Amino acid sequence: MKSMSNLELEGQYIRINPGDSIKKWARIDHATREGLLATVTCVRQGSWSSNDGWIKETQRFLSWEKLSFYICDKEEAMTGERAT
């Protein structure tokens, strides 16, 4: 079985499933055994929440332990809108 760090994820765009009320998207810069290093491409916060440190064009480390995501296209990752 392949590990997540062997799936050629670098360069892929993802929607990070919320563990909070903030919708966020990113581009994967590097995948390791510990998690992902990704650049945030879009942040949509709920009207009742702060951005909780999710700032566009910043790099974040995302641990595999707490990470849930799906791969999306560049347009969705940049705009926060799914193509119909």
N, C-alpha and C. Protein backbone atom coordinates (compact mmCIF):
# COMPACT_ATOMS: atom_id res chain seq x y z
N MET A 1 0.83 -1.17 0.00
CA MET A 1 0.00 0.00 0.00
C MET A 1 0.88 1.24 0.00
N LYS A 2 0.53 2.22 -0.82
CA LYS A 2 1.30 3.47 -0.88
C LYS A 2 0.93 4.36 0.30
N SER A 3 1.91 5.11 0.74
CA SER A 3 1.60 6.11 1.77
C SER A 3 1.15 7.38 1.08
N MET A 4 0.50 8.27 1.83
CA MET A 4 0.02 9.53 1.24
C MET A 4 1.17 10.36 0.68
N SER A 5 2.36 10.26 1.27
CA SER A 5 3.48 11.07 0.79
C SER A 5 4.04 10.55 -0.54
N ASN A 6 3.58 9.38 -1.01
CA ASN A 6 4.04 8.83 -2.28
C ASN A 6 3.03 9.00 -3.41
N LEU A 7 2.01 9.80 -3.22
CA LEU A 7 0.94 9.90 -4.21
C LEU A 7 1.10 11.04 -5.20
N GLU A 8 2.28 11.64 -5.28
CA GLU A 8 2.54 12.73 -6.21
C GLU A 8 1.51 13.85 -6.05
N LEU A 9 1.37 14.33 -4.83
CA LEU A 9 0.39 15.37 -4.52
C LEU A 9 0.91 16.78 -4.79
N GLU A 10 2.22 16.94 -4.91
CA GLU A 10 2.78 18.28 -5.13
C GLU A 10 2.16 18.93 -6.36
N GLY A 11 1.75 20.18 -6.22
CA GLY A 11 1.16 20.92 -7.32
C GLY A 11 -0.35 20.77 -7.43
N GLN A 12 -0.93 19.82 -6.70
CA GLN A 12 -2.37 19.62 -6.73
C GLN A 12 -3.06 20.71 -5.90
N TYR A 13 -4.28 21.05 -6.29
CA TYR A 13 -5.09 22.00 -5.54
C TYR A 13 -6.10 21.21 -4.71
N ILE A 14 -6.35 21.69 -3.48
CA ILE A 14 -7.25 20.96 -2.59
C ILE A 14 -8.22 21.91 -1.89
N ARG A 15 -9.36 21.36 -1.53
CA ARG A 15 -10.29 22.02 -0.61
C ARG A 15 -10.09 21.31 0.72
N ILE A 16 -9.73 22.07 1.73
CA ILE A 16 -9.49 21.51 3.06
C ILE A 16 -10.83 21.50 3.78
N ASN A 17 -11.27 20.31 4.14
CA ASN A 17 -12.56 20.19 4.81
C ASN A 17 -12.48 20.81 6.19
N PRO A 18 -13.48 21.58 6.50
CA PRO A 18 -13.41 22.33 7.76
C PRO A 18 -13.49 21.44 8.99
N GLY A 19 -12.68 21.80 9.95
CA GLY A 19 -12.83 21.30 11.30
C GLY A 19 -13.39 22.46 12.09
N ASP A 20 -13.76 23.50 11.34
CA ASP A 20 -14.27 24.75 11.89
C ASP A 20 -15.22 25.35 10.85
N SER A 21 -15.59 26.58 11.00
CA SER A 21 -16.55 27.19 10.08
C SER A 21 -15.87 27.93 8.92
N ILE A 22 -14.57 27.76 8.76
CA ILE A 22 -13.83 28.46 7.72
C ILE A 22 -13.63 27.54 6.52
N LYS A 23 -14.06 27.99 5.33
CA LYS A 23 -13.81 27.24 4.10
C LYS A 23 -12.46 27.68 3.57
N LYS A 24 -11.63 26.70 3.19
CA LYS A 24 -10.28 27.04 2.75
C LYS A 24 -9.79 26.11 1.65
N TRP A 25 -8.98 26.69 0.76
CA TRP A 25 -8.39 25.97 -0.36
C TRP A 25 -6.90 26.24 -0.38
N ALA A 26 -6.13 25.33 -0.98
CA ALA A 26 -4.68 25.48 -1.00
C ALA A 26 -4.07 24.72 -2.17
N ARG A 27 -2.80 25.06 -2.46
CA ARG A 27 -1.99 24.31 -3.43
C ARG A 27 -0.93 23.57 -2.63
N ILE A 28 -0.79 22.29 -2.88
CA ILE A 28 0.19 21.48 -2.15
C ILE A 28 1.58 21.77 -2.70
N ASP A 29 2.48 22.22 -1.82
CA ASP A 29 3.86 22.49 -2.21
C ASP A 29 4.75 21.28 -1.98
N HIS A 30 4.49 20.54 -0.90
CA HIS A 30 5.34 19.40 -0.56
C HIS A 30 4.56 18.43 0.32
N ALA A 31 4.72 17.14 0.05
CA ALA A 31 4.09 16.11 0.86
C ALA A 31 5.18 15.30 1.57
N THR A 32 5.00 15.09 2.86
CA THR A 32 5.96 14.31 3.65
C THR A 32 5.21 13.22 4.42
N ARG A 33 5.94 12.41 5.13
CA ARG A 33 5.32 11.38 5.98
C ARG A 33 4.51 12.01 7.11
N GLU A 34 4.86 13.23 7.50
CA GLU A 34 4.19 13.90 8.61
C GLU A 34 2.95 14.67 8.17
N GLY A 35 2.92 15.13 6.91
CA GLY A 35 1.78 15.92 6.44
C GLY A 35 2.11 16.69 5.17
N LEU A 36 1.38 17.76 4.95
CA LEU A 36 1.54 18.57 3.75
C LEU A 36 2.00 19.97 4.10
N LEU A 37 2.82 20.54 3.24
CA LEU A 37 3.13 21.97 3.28
C LEU A 37 2.38 22.54 2.09
N ALA A 38 1.47 23.49 2.38
CA ALA A 38 0.59 24.01 1.33
C ALA A 38 0.49 25.53 1.41
N THR A 39 0.28 26.15 0.25
CA THR A 39 0.06 27.59 0.17
C THR A 39 -1.44 27.84 0.07
N VAL A 40 -1.97 28.63 0.97
CA VAL A 40 -3.40 28.95 1.00
C VAL A 40 -3.73 29.80 -0.22
N THR A 41 -4.77 29.40 -0.98
CA THR A 41 -5.16 30.11 -2.18
C THR A 41 -6.47 30.89 -2.02
N CYS A 42 -7.33 30.47 -1.11
CA CYS A 42 -8.62 31.14 -0.91
C CYS A 42 -9.13 30.81 0.49
N VAL A 43 -9.73 31.81 1.14
CA VAL A 43 -10.31 31.62 2.48
C VAL A 43 -11.68 32.28 2.49
N ARG A 44 -12.68 31.53 2.94
CA ARG A 44 -14.03 32.07 3.11
C ARG A 44 -14.45 31.78 4.54
N GLN A 45 -14.55 32.80 5.34
CA GLN A 45 -14.92 32.59 6.73
C GLN A 45 -16.40 32.87 6.92
N GLY A 46 -17.00 32.18 7.87
CA GLY A 46 -18.39 32.44 8.21
C GLY A 46 -18.50 33.80 8.87
N SER A 47 -19.66 34.38 8.84
CA SER A 47 -19.85 35.71 9.40
C SER A 47 -19.65 35.72 10.92
N TRP A 48 -19.67 34.57 11.54
CA TRP A 48 -19.55 34.47 12.99
C TRP A 48 -18.15 34.07 13.44
N SER A 49 -17.19 33.97 12.51
CA SER A 49 -15.88 33.47 12.90
C SER A 49 -14.76 34.40 12.46
N SER A 50 -13.60 34.22 13.08
CA SER A 50 -12.40 34.92 12.62
C SER A 50 -11.74 34.05 11.56
N ASN A 51 -10.68 34.54 10.94
CA ASN A 51 -10.00 33.72 9.93
C ASN A 51 -9.13 32.66 10.57
N ASP A 52 -8.94 32.72 11.87
CA ASP A 52 -8.20 31.71 12.65
C ASP A 52 -6.81 31.44 12.07
N GLY A 53 -6.19 32.48 11.51
CA GLY A 53 -4.83 32.34 10.98
C GLY A 53 -4.76 31.87 9.55
N TRP A 54 -5.89 31.59 8.93
CA TRP A 54 -5.90 31.18 7.53
C TRP A 54 -5.87 32.43 6.67
N ILE A 55 -4.70 32.73 6.12
CA ILE A 55 -4.49 33.94 5.35
C ILE A 55 -4.01 33.56 3.95
N LYS A 56 -4.66 34.13 2.94
CA LYS A 56 -4.32 33.84 1.55
C LYS A 56 -2.85 34.12 1.28
N GLU A 57 -2.23 33.22 0.49
CA GLU A 57 -0.83 33.31 0.05
C GLU A 57 0.18 33.07 1.16
N THR A 58 -0.25 32.44 2.26
CA THR A 58 0.69 32.03 3.30
C THR A 58 0.83 30.52 3.25
N GLN A 59 1.96 30.02 3.73
CA GLN A 59 2.17 28.58 3.78
C GLN A 59 1.73 28.04 5.13
N ARG A 60 1.11 26.87 5.09
CA ARG A 60 0.66 26.20 6.31
C ARG A 60 1.13 24.76 6.27
N PHE A 61 1.47 24.22 7.44
CA PHE A 61 1.73 22.79 7.56
C PHE A 61 0.44 22.13 8.00
N LEU A 62 0.04 21.07 7.30
CA LEU A 62 -1.19 20.36 7.60
C LEU A 62 -0.84 18.92 7.97
N SER A 63 -1.02 18.57 9.21
CA SER A 63 -0.70 17.23 9.70
C SER A 63 -1.70 16.21 9.15
N TRP A 64 -1.20 15.02 8.77
CA TRP A 64 -2.09 13.96 8.28
C TRP A 64 -3.12 13.60 9.35
N GLU A 65 -2.75 13.70 10.62
CA GLU A 65 -3.64 13.32 11.72
C GLU A 65 -4.96 14.06 11.68
N LYS A 66 -4.91 15.34 11.35
CA LYS A 66 -6.10 16.18 11.42
C LYS A 66 -6.59 16.63 10.05
N LEU A 67 -6.07 16.04 8.98
CA LEU A 67 -6.34 16.55 7.64
C LEU A 67 -7.41 15.75 6.91
N SER A 68 -8.39 16.45 6.37
CA SER A 68 -9.39 15.88 5.48
C SER A 68 -9.51 16.85 4.31
N PHE A 69 -9.42 16.35 3.08
CA PHE A 69 -9.45 17.22 1.92
C PHE A 69 -9.94 16.47 0.70
N TYR A 70 -10.29 17.23 -0.34
CA TYR A 70 -10.49 16.62 -1.65
C TYR A 70 -9.71 17.44 -2.67
N ILE A 71 -9.29 16.78 -3.74
CA ILE A 71 -8.55 17.44 -4.81
C ILE A 71 -9.55 18.17 -5.69
N CYS A 72 -9.26 19.41 -6.00
CA CYS A 72 -10.15 20.22 -6.84
C CYS A 72 -9.34 20.84 -7.97
N ASP A 73 -10.02 21.58 -8.83
CA ASP A 73 -9.29 22.24 -9.92
C ASP A 73 -8.79 23.62 -9.46
N LYS A 74 -7.94 24.20 -10.28
CA LYS A 74 -7.32 25.48 -9.93
C LYS A 74 -8.36 26.58 -9.77
N GLU A 75 -9.36 26.60 -10.65
CA GLU A 75 -10.39 27.65 -10.59
C GLU A 75 -11.10 27.64 -9.23
N GLU A 76 -11.52 26.46 -8.79
CA GLU A 76 -12.18 26.38 -7.48
C GLU A 76 -11.24 26.81 -6.37
N ALA A 77 -9.98 26.38 -6.44
CA ALA A 77 -9.02 26.70 -5.39
C ALA A 77 -8.72 28.20 -5.31
N MET A 78 -8.82 28.90 -6.42
CA MET A 78 -8.53 30.33 -6.43
C MET A 78 -9.74 31.20 -6.09
N THR A 79 -10.94 30.70 -6.42
CA THR A 79 -12.14 31.52 -6.26
C THR A 79 -13.07 31.06 -5.14
N GLY A 80 -12.94 29.79 -4.74
CA GLY A 80 -13.86 29.23 -3.75
C GLY A 80 -15.19 28.81 -4.35
N GLU A 81 -15.28 28.80 -5.68
CA GLU A 81 -16.52 28.44 -6.38
C GLU A 81 -16.29 27.19 -7.21
N ARG A 82 -17.17 26.21 -7.05
CA ARG A 82 -17.10 25.00 -7.88
C ARG A 82 -17.65 25.26 -9.26
N ALA A 83 -16.98 24.74 -10.26
CA ALA A 83 -17.47 24.86 -11.64
C ALA A 83 -18.72 23.99 -11.79
N THR A 84 -19.70 24.48 -12.49
CA THR A 84 -20.94 23.70 -12.67
C THR A 84 -21.00 23.03 -14.00
